[in-house]
PDB file of N, CA and C in Angstrom:
ATOM      1  N   UNK A   1       0.803  -1.197   0.000  1.00  0.00           N
ATOM      2  CA  UNK A   1       0.000   0.000   0.000  1.00  0.00           C
ATOM      3  C   UNK A   1       0.846   1.261   0.000  1.00  0.00           C
ATOM      4  N   UNK A   2       1.907   1.264   0.828  1.00  0.00           N
ATOM      5  CA  UNK A   2       2.767   2.441   0.920  1.00  0.00           C
ATOM      6  C   UNK A   2       3.408   2.740  -0.440  1.00  0.00           C
ATOM      7  N   UNK A   3       3.817   1.692  -1.130  1.00  0.00           N
ATOM      8  CA  UNK A   3       4.420   1.839  -2.457  1.00  0.00           C
ATOM      9  C   UNK A   3       3.426   2.451  -3.431  1.00  0.00           C
ATOM     10  N   UNK A   4       2.193   1.979  -3.404  1.00  0.00           N
ATOM     11  CA  UNK A   4       1.153   2.499  -4.281  1.00  0.00           C
ATOM     12  C   UNK A   4       0.876   3.968  -3.985  1.00  0.00           C
ATOM     13  N   UNK A   5       0.828   4.342  -2.690  1.00  0.00           N
ATOM     14  CA  UNK A   5       0.603   5.743  -2.328  1.00  0.00           C
ATOM     15  C   UNK A   5       1.737   6.642  -2.826  1.00  0.00           C
ATOM     16  N   UNK A   6       2.978   6.140  -2.713  1.00  0.00           N
ATOM     17  CA  UNK A   6       4.117   6.924  -3.189  1.00  0.00           C
ATOM     18  C   UNK A   6       4.036   7.122  -4.700  1.00  0.00           C
ATOM     19  N   UNK A   7       3.653   6.071  -5.411  1.00  0.00           N
ATOM     20  CA  UNK A   7       3.516   6.191  -6.867  1.00  0.00           C
ATOM     21  C   UNK A   7       2.461   7.221  -7.236  1.00  0.00           C
ATOM     22  N   UNK A   8       1.330   7.168  -6.556  1.00  0.00           N
ATOM     23  CA  UNK A   8       0.236   8.088  -6.857  1.00  0.00           C
ATOM     24  C   UNK A   8       0.582   9.531  -6.510  1.00  0.00           C
ATOM     25  N   UNK A   9       1.379   9.721  -5.473  1.00  0.00           N
ATOM     26  CA  UNK A   9       1.779  11.068  -5.082  1.00  0.00           C
ATOM     27  C   UNK A   9       2.951  11.585  -5.914  1.00  0.00           C
ATOM     28  N   UNK A  10       3.547  10.704  -6.698  1.00  0.00           N
ATOM     29  CA  UNK A  10       4.693  11.110  -7.506  1.00  0.00           C
ATOM     30  C   UNK A  10       5.984  11.146  -6.706  1.00  0.00           C
ATOM     31  N   UNK A  11       5.992  10.513  -5.541  1.00  0.00           N
ATOM     32  CA  UNK A  11       7.204  10.473  -4.723  1.00  0.00           C
ATOM     33  C   UNK A  11       8.145   9.390  -5.247  1.00  0.00           C
ATOM     34  N   UNK A  12       9.436   9.576  -5.069  1.00  0.00           N
ATOM     35  CA  UNK A  12      10.369   8.549  -5.513  1.00  0.00           C
ATOM     36  C   UNK A  12      10.224   7.287  -4.676  1.00  0.00           C
ATOM     37  N   UNK A  13      10.210   6.159  -5.325  1.00  0.00           N
ATOM     38  CA  UNK A  13      10.069   4.886  -4.629  1.00  0.00           C
ATOM     39  C   UNK A  13      11.395   4.515  -3.962  1.00  0.00           C
ATOM     40  N   UNK A  14      12.464   4.760  -4.663  1.00  0.00           N
ATOM     41  CA  UNK A  14      13.800   4.476  -4.148  1.00  0.00           C
ATOM     42  C   UNK A  14      14.564   5.795  -4.079  1.00  0.00           C
ATOM     43  N   UNK A  15      14.500   6.507  -2.963  1.00  0.00           N
ATOM     44  CA  UNK A  15      15.137   7.829  -2.860  1.00  0.00           C
ATOM     45  C   UNK A  15      16.631   7.809  -3.166  1.00  0.00           C
ATOM     46  N   UNK A  16      17.310   6.737  -2.825  1.00  0.00           N
ATOM     47  CA  UNK A  16      18.748   6.648  -3.070  1.00  0.00           C
ATOM     48  C   UNK A  16      19.063   6.639  -4.557  1.00  0.00           C
ATOM     49  N   UNK A  17      18.120   6.186  -5.378  1.00  0.00           N
ATOM     50  CA  UNK A  17      18.346   6.158  -6.822  1.00  0.00           C
ATOM     51  C   UNK A  17      18.455   7.578  -7.370  1.00  0.00           C
ATOM     52  N   UNK A  18      17.658   8.486  -6.864  1.00  0.00           N
ATOM     53  CA  UNK A  18      17.729   9.879  -7.290  1.00  0.00           C
ATOM     54  C   UNK A  18      19.064  10.504  -6.935  1.00  0.00           C
ATOM     55  N   UNK A  19      19.598  10.146  -5.764  1.00  0.00           N
ATOM     56  CA  UNK A  19      20.904  10.657  -5.356  1.00  0.00           C
ATOM     57  C   UNK A  19      22.001  10.144  -6.266  1.00  0.00           C
ATOM     58  N   UNK A  20      21.887   8.901  -6.684  1.00  0.00           N
ATOM     59  CA  UNK A  20      22.901   8.335  -7.587  1.00  0.00           C
ATOM     60  C   UNK A  20      22.909   9.077  -8.915  1.00  0.00           C
ATOM     61  N   UNK A  21      21.741   9.392  -9.421  1.00  0.00           N
ATOM     62  CA  UNK A  21      21.649  10.102 -10.692  1.00  0.00           C
ATOM     63  C   UNK A  21      22.254  11.495 -10.600  1.00  0.00           C
ATOM     64  N   UNK A  22      22.083  12.150  -9.464  1.00  0.00           N
ATOM     65  CA  UNK A  22      22.596  13.506  -9.303  1.00  0.00           C
ATOM     66  C   UNK A  22      24.111  13.524  -9.186  1.00  0.00           C
ATOM     67  N   UNK A  23      24.691  12.477  -8.607  1.00  0.00           N
ATOM     68  CA  UNK A  23      26.140  12.470  -8.409  1.00  0.00           C
ATOM     69  C   UNK A  23      26.891  12.047  -9.671  1.00  0.00           C
ATOM     70  N   UNK A  24      26.262  11.273 -10.531  1.00  0.00           N
ATOM     71  CA  UNK A  24      26.922  10.852 -11.764  1.00  0.00           C
ATOM     72  C   UNK A  24      26.892  12.004 -12.758  1.00  0.00           C
ATOM     73  N   UNK A  25      28.074  12.412 -13.235  1.00  0.00           N
ATOM     74  CA  UNK A  25      28.148  13.514 -14.188  1.00  0.00           C
ATOM     75  C   UNK A  25      28.001  12.973 -15.610  1.00  0.00           C
ATOM     76  N   UNK A  26      27.212  13.676 -16.370  1.00  0.00           N
ATOM     77  CA  UNK A  26      27.003  13.297 -17.761  1.00  0.00           C
ATOM     78  C   UNK A  26      28.184  13.779 -18.585  1.00  0.00           C
ATOM     79  N   UNK A  27      28.724  12.873 -19.381  1.00  0.00           N
ATOM     80  CA  UNK A  27      29.852  13.221 -20.249  1.00  0.00           C
ATOM     81  C   UNK A  27      29.283  13.764 -21.554  1.00  0.00           C
ATOM     82  N   UNK A  28      29.661  14.982 -21.875  1.00  0.00           N
ATOM     83  CA  UNK A  28      29.181  15.593 -23.110  1.00  0.00           C
ATOM     84  C   UNK A  28      30.283  15.528 -24.154  1.00  0.00           C
ATOM     85  N   UNK A  29      29.916  15.111 -25.345  1.00  0.00           N
ATOM     86  CA  UNK A  29      30.889  14.998 -26.424  1.00  0.00           C
ATOM     87  C   UNK A  29      30.781  16.212 -27.343  1.00  0.00           C
ATOM     88  N   UNK A  30      31.875  16.518 -28.007  1.00  0.00           N
ATOM     89  CA  UNK A  30      31.898  17.623 -28.961  1.00  0.00           C
ATOM     90  C   UNK A  30      31.156  17.212 -30.226  1.00  0.00           C
ATOM     91  N   UNK A  31      30.352  18.112 -30.734  1.00  0.00           N
ATOM     92  CA  UNK A  31      29.761  17.899 -32.052  1.00  0.00           C
ATOM     93  C   UNK A  31      30.827  18.217 -33.088  1.00  0.00           C
ATOM     94  N   UNK A  32      30.590  17.845 -34.325  1.00  0.00           N
ATOM     95  CA  UNK A  32      31.539  18.170 -35.392  1.00  0.00           C
ATOM     96  C   UNK A  32      31.759  19.676 -35.473  1.00  0.00           C
ATOM     97  N   UNK A  33      30.678  20.437 -35.330  1.00  0.00           N
ATOM     98  CA  UNK A  33      30.769  21.889 -35.426  1.00  0.00           C
ATOM     99  C   UNK A  33      31.554  22.492 -34.264  1.00  0.00           C
ATOM    100  N   UNK A  34      31.367  21.949 -33.069  1.00  0.00           N
ATOM    101  CA  UNK A  34      32.127  22.433 -31.918  1.00  0.00           C
ATOM    102  C   UNK A  34      33.615  22.119 -32.073  1.00  0.00           C
ATOM    103  N   UNK A  35      33.910  20.967 -32.653  1.00  0.00           N
ATOM    104  CA  UNK A  35      35.309  20.594 -32.886  1.00  0.00           C
ATOM    105  C   UNK A  35      35.942  21.506 -33.940  1.00  0.00           C
ATOM    106  N   UNK A  36      35.167  21.909 -34.959  1.00  0.00           N
ATOM    107  CA  UNK A  36      35.672  22.864 -35.953  1.00  0.00           C
ATOM    108  C   UNK A  36      36.043  24.160 -35.240  1.00  0.00           C
ATOM    109  N   UNK A  37      35.157  24.628 -34.371  1.00  0.00           N
ATOM    110  CA  UNK A  37      35.404  25.856 -33.626  1.00  0.00           C
ATOM    111  C   UNK A  37      36.681  25.743 -32.796  1.00  0.00           C
ATOM    112  N   UNK A  38      36.884  24.608 -32.148  1.00  0.00           N
ATOM    113  CA  UNK A  38      38.094  24.378 -31.361  1.00  0.00           C
ATOM    114  C   UNK A  38      39.338  24.434 -32.247  1.00  0.00           C
ATOM    115  N   UNK A  39      39.286  23.767 -33.396  1.00  0.00           N
ATOM    116  CA  UNK A  39      40.413  23.765 -34.328  1.00  0.00           C
ATOM    117  C   UNK A  39      40.773  25.176 -34.782  1.00  0.00           C
ATOM    118  N   UNK A  40      39.770  25.940 -35.146  1.00  0.00           N
ATOM    119  CA  UNK A  40      39.996  27.279 -35.692  1.00  0.00           C
ATOM    120  C   UNK A  40      40.463  28.248 -34.601  1.00  0.00           C
ATOM    121  N   UNK A  41      39.750  28.266 -33.481  1.00  0.00           N
ATOM    122  CA  UNK A  41      40.083  29.218 -32.412  1.00  0.00           C
ATOM    123  C   UNK A  41      41.456  28.961 -31.808  1.00  0.00           C
ATOM    124  N   UNK A  42      41.819  27.685 -31.656  1.00  0.00           N
ATOM    125  CA  UNK A  42      43.115  27.351 -31.056  1.00  0.00           C
ATOM    126  C   UNK A  42      44.211  27.200 -32.108  1.00  0.00           C
ATOM    127  N   UNK A  43      43.841  27.361 -33.370  1.00  0.00           N
ATOM    128  CA  UNK A  43      44.772  27.219 -34.492  1.00  0.00           C
ATOM    129  C   UNK A  43      45.539  25.893 -34.400  1.00  0.00           C
ATOM    130  N   UNK A  44      44.769  24.808 -34.225  1.00  0.00           N
ATOM    131  CA  UNK A  44      45.376  23.489 -34.067  1.00  0.00           C
ATOM    132  C   UNK A  44      45.689  22.854 -35.412  1.00  0.00           C
ATOM    133  N   UNK A  45      46.821  22.189 -35.474  1.00  0.00           N
ATOM    134  CA  UNK A  45      47.140  21.383 -36.652  1.00  0.00           C
ATOM    135  C   UNK A  45      46.418  20.044 -36.503  1.00  0.00           C
ATOM    136  N   UNK A  46      46.439  19.258 -37.561  1.00  0.00           N
ATOM    137  CA  UNK A  46      45.840  17.926 -37.506  1.00  0.00           C
ATOM    138  C   UNK A  46      46.507  17.105 -36.406  1.00  0.00           C
ATOM    139  N   UNK A  47      47.820  17.168 -36.325  1.00  0.00           N
ATOM    140  CA  UNK A  47      48.552  16.395 -35.321  1.00  0.00           C
ATOM    141  C   UNK A  47      48.195  16.848 -33.902  1.00  0.00           C
ATOM    142  N   UNK A  48      48.107  18.155 -33.696  1.00  0.00           N
ATOM    143  CA  UNK A  48      47.761  18.668 -32.366  1.00  0.00           C
ATOM    144  C   UNK A  48      46.356  18.232 -31.957  1.00  0.00           C
ATOM    145  N   UNK A  49      45.405  18.319 -32.892  1.00  0.00           N
ATOM    146  CA  UNK A  49      44.029  17.904 -32.612  1.00  0.00           C
ATOM    147  C   UNK A  49      43.989  16.425 -32.246  1.00  0.00           C
ATOM    148  N   UNK A  50      44.666  15.606 -33.056  1.00  0.00           N
ATOM    149  CA  UNK A  50      44.652  14.167 -32.794  1.00  0.00           C
ATOM    150  C   UNK A  50      45.342  13.818 -31.479  1.00  0.00           C
ATOM    151  N   UNK A  51      46.360  14.589 -31.091  1.00  0.00           N
ATOM    152  CA  UNK A  51      47.031  14.361 -29.804  1.00  0.00           C
ATOM    153  C   UNK A  51      46.076  14.650 -28.653  1.00  0.00           C
ATOM    154  N   UNK A  52      45.355  15.762 -28.733  1.00  0.00           N
ATOM    155  CA  UNK A  52      44.382  16.108 -27.699  1.00  0.00           C
ATOM    156  C   UNK A  52      43.284  15.052 -27.632  1.00  0.00           C
ATOM    157  N   UNK A  53      42.805  14.621 -28.789  1.00  0.00           N
ATOM    158  CA  UNK A  53      41.763  13.597 -28.856  1.00  0.00           C
ATOM    159  C   UNK A  53      42.245  12.300 -28.208  1.00  0.00           C
ATOM    160  N   UNK A  54      43.470  11.888 -28.517  1.00  0.00           N
ATOM    161  CA  UNK A  54      44.028  10.649 -27.976  1.00  0.00           C
ATOM    162  C   UNK A  54      44.229  10.733 -26.463  1.00  0.00           C
ATOM    163  N   UNK A  55      44.711  11.890 -25.985  1.00  0.00           N
ATOM    164  CA  UNK A  55      44.925  12.062 -24.551  1.00  0.00           C
ATOM    165  C   UNK A  55      43.600  11.970 -23.780  1.00  0.00           C
ATOM    166  N   UNK A  56      42.561  12.578 -24.316  1.00  0.00           N
ATOM    167  CA  UNK A  56      41.248  12.489 -23.669  1.00  0.00           C
ATOM    168  C   UNK A  56      40.754  11.045 -23.676  1.00  0.00           C
ATOM    169  N   UNK A  57      40.990  10.347 -24.784  1.00  0.00           N
ATOM    170  CA  UNK A  57      40.542   8.960 -24.913  1.00  0.00           C
ATOM    171  C   UNK A  57      41.266   8.047 -23.922  1.00  0.00           C
ATOM    172  N   UNK A  58      42.559   8.290 -23.675  1.00  0.00           N
ATOM    173  CA  UNK A  58      43.304   7.464 -22.723  1.00  0.00           C
ATOM    174  C   UNK A  58      42.809   7.676 -21.290  1.00  0.00           C
ATOM    175  N   UNK A  59      42.152   8.805 -21.049  1.00  0.00           N
ATOM    176  CA  UNK A  59      41.558   9.071 -19.739  1.00  0.00           C
ATOM    177  C   UNK A  59      40.114   8.573 -19.660  1.00  0.00           C
ATOM    178  N   UNK A  60      39.705   7.827 -20.673  1.00  0.00           N
ATOM    179  CA  UNK A  60      38.349   7.278 -20.679  1.00  0.00           C
ATOM    180  C   UNK A  60      37.290   8.241 -21.157  1.00  0.00           C
ATOM    181  N   UNK A  61      37.704   9.303 -21.831  1.00  0.00           N
ATOM    182  CA  UNK A  61      36.764  10.319 -22.305  1.00  0.00           C
ATOM    183  C   UNK A  61      36.879  10.474 -23.820  1.00  0.00           C
ATOM    184  N   UNK A  62      36.140   9.680 -24.541  1.00  0.00           N
ATOM    185  CA  UNK A  62      36.144   9.757 -26.001  1.00  0.00           C
ATOM    186  C   UNK A  62      35.158  10.849 -26.417  1.00  0.00           C
ATOM    187  N   UNK A  63      35.586  12.104 -26.282  1.00  0.00           N
ATOM    188  CA  UNK A  63      34.661  13.233 -26.442  1.00  0.00           C
ATOM    189  C   UNK A  63      34.837  13.995 -27.751  1.00  0.00           C
ATOM    190  N   UNK A  64      35.887  13.688 -28.488  1.00  0.00           N
ATOM    191  CA  UNK A  64      36.140  14.418 -29.737  1.00  0.00           C
ATOM    192  C   UNK A  64      35.848  13.528 -30.944  1.00  0.00           C
ATOM    193  N   UNK A  65      35.200  14.086 -31.969  1.00  0.00           N
ATOM    194  CA  UNK A  65      34.991  13.312 -33.190  1.00  0.00           C
ATOM    195  C   UNK A  65      36.324  13.139 -33.927  1.00  0.00           C
ATOM    196  N   UNK A  66      36.373  12.178 -34.826  1.00  0.00           N
ATOM    197  CA  UNK A  66      37.606  11.952 -35.581  1.00  0.00           C
ATOM    198  C   UNK A  66      37.937  13.182 -36.425  1.00  0.00           C
ATOM    199  N   UNK A  67      39.207  13.339 -36.719  1.00  0.00           N
ATOM    200  CA  UNK A  67      39.637  14.485 -37.520  1.00  0.00           C
ATOM    201  C   UNK A  67      38.968  14.455 -38.890  1.00  0.00           C
ATOM    202  N   UNK A  68      38.829  13.261 -39.462  1.00  0.00           N
ATOM    203  CA  UNK A  68      38.202  13.154 -40.784  1.00  0.00           C
ATOM    204  C   UNK A  68      36.747  13.619 -40.758  1.00  0.00           C
ATOM    205  N   UNK A  69      36.019  13.309 -39.684  1.00  0.00           N
ATOM    206  CA  UNK A  69      34.638  13.790 -39.561  1.00  0.00           C
ATOM    207  C   UNK A  69      34.601  15.307 -39.442  1.00  0.00           C
ATOM    208  N   UNK A  70      35.551  15.858 -38.704  1.00  0.00           N
ATOM    209  CA  UNK A  70      35.613  17.312 -38.522  1.00  0.00           C
ATOM    210  C   UNK A  70      35.961  17.985 -39.843  1.00  0.00           C
ATOM    211  N   UNK A  71      36.925  17.422 -40.564  1.00  0.00           N
ATOM    212  CA  UNK A  71      37.323  17.986 -41.864  1.00  0.00           C
ATOM    213  C   UNK A  71      36.153  17.956 -42.840  1.00  0.00           C
ATOM    214  N   UNK A  72      35.423  16.837 -42.865  1.00  0.00           N
ATOM    215  CA  UNK A  72      34.262  16.728 -43.757  1.00  0.00           C
ATOM    216  C   UNK A  72      33.186  17.745 -43.385  1.00  0.00           C
ATOM    217  N   UNK A  73      32.959  17.942 -42.096  1.00  0.00           N
ATOM    218  CA  UNK A  73      31.969  18.932 -41.645  1.00  0.00           C
ATOM    219  C   UNK A  73      32.411  20.344 -42.023  1.00  0.00           C
ATOM    220  N   UNK A  74      33.704  20.594 -41.922  1.00  0.00           N
ATOM    221  CA  UNK A  74      34.237  21.909 -42.278  1.00  0.00           C
ATOM    222  C   UNK A  74      34.037  22.174 -43.774  1.00  0.00           C
ATOM    223  N   UNK A  75      34.263  21.157 -44.595  1.00  0.00           N
ATOM    224  CA  UNK A  75      34.074  21.306 -46.043  1.00  0.00           C
ATOM    225  C   UNK A  75      32.614  21.571 -46.387  1.00  0.00           C
ATOM    226  N   UNK A  76      31.685  21.017 -45.603  1.00  0.00           N
ATOM    227  CA  UNK A  76      30.259  21.268 -45.843  1.00  0.00           C
ATOM    228  C   UNK A  76      29.878  22.711 -45.542  1.00  0.00           C
ATOM    229  N   UNK A  77      30.717  23.413 -44.799  1.00  0.00           N
ATOM    230  CA  UNK A  77      30.437  24.815 -44.461  1.00  0.00           C
ATOM    231  C   UNK A  77      30.725  25.763 -45.619  1.00  0.00           C
ATOM    232  N   UNK A  78      31.545  25.332 -46.559  1.00  0.00           N
ATOM    233  CA  UNK A  78      31.905  26.191 -47.680  1.00  0.00           C
ATOM    234  C   UNK A  78      30.798  26.204 -48.723  1.00  0.00           C
ATOM    235  N   UNK A  79      30.615  27.334 -49.422  1.00  0.00           N
ATOM    236  CA  UNK A  79      29.640  27.379 -50.527  1.00  0.00           C
ATOM    237  C   UNK A  79      30.059  26.409 -51.621  1.00  0.00           C
ATOM    238  N   UNK A  80      29.091  25.949 -52.417  1.00  0.00           N
ATOM    239  CA  UNK A  80      29.378  24.983 -53.483  1.00  0.00           C
ATOM    240  C   UNK A  80      30.354  25.530 -54.527  1.00  0.00           C
ATOM    241  N   UNK A  81      30.401  26.838 -54.707  1.00  0.00           N
ATOM    242  CA  UNK A  81      31.264  27.419 -55.739  1.00  0.00           C
ATOM    243  C   UNK A  81      32.735  27.448 -55.361  1.00  0.00           C
ATOM    244  N   UNK A  82      33.058  27.146 -54.089  1.00  0.00           N
ATOM    245  CA  UNK A  82      34.437  27.175 -53.625  1.00  0.00           C
ATOM    246  C   UNK A  82      34.983  25.750 -53.549  1.00  0.00           C
ATOM    247  N   UNK A  83      36.123  25.535 -54.157  1.00  0.00           N
ATOM    248  CA  UNK A  83      36.777  24.230 -54.122  1.00  0.00           C
ATOM    249  C   UNK A  83      37.952  24.313 -53.159  1.00  0.00           C
ATOM    250  N   UNK A  84      37.953  23.427 -52.160  1.00  0.00           N
ATOM    251  CA  UNK A  84      39.001  23.423 -51.146  1.00  0.00           C
ATOM    252  C   UNK A  84      39.912  22.238 -51.410  1.00  0.00           C
ATOM    253  N   UNK A  85      41.230  22.495 -51.449  1.00  0.00           N
ATOM    254  CA  UNK A  85      42.187  21.412 -51.644  1.00  0.00           C
ATOM    255  C   UNK A  85      43.139  21.346 -50.461  1.00  0.00           C
ATOM    256  N   UNK A  86      43.774  20.194 -50.313  1.00  0.00           N
ATOM    257  CA  UNK A  86      44.827  20.027 -49.289  1.00  0.00           C
ATOM    258  C   UNK A  86      44.255  19.918 -47.975  1.00  0.00           C
TER     259      UNK A  86
END
């Protein structure tokens, strides 16, 4: 009965579960566009970007998209009349 009353009142059935959710931090990953911004603002080379990406990954944080995905997203930002090489 107590469980049913808690459900009807909208109270948490397992209060400790709510505490667990609050203490666990959500890992946010960079979007392709955010990674482009990082590359441009920090003037990173491909090697520098990949080094930062690898270092984060070794710490268990795979938060950066691959350089190839970022490069492809960057190319999509250019107008169709512009050809980008290299």
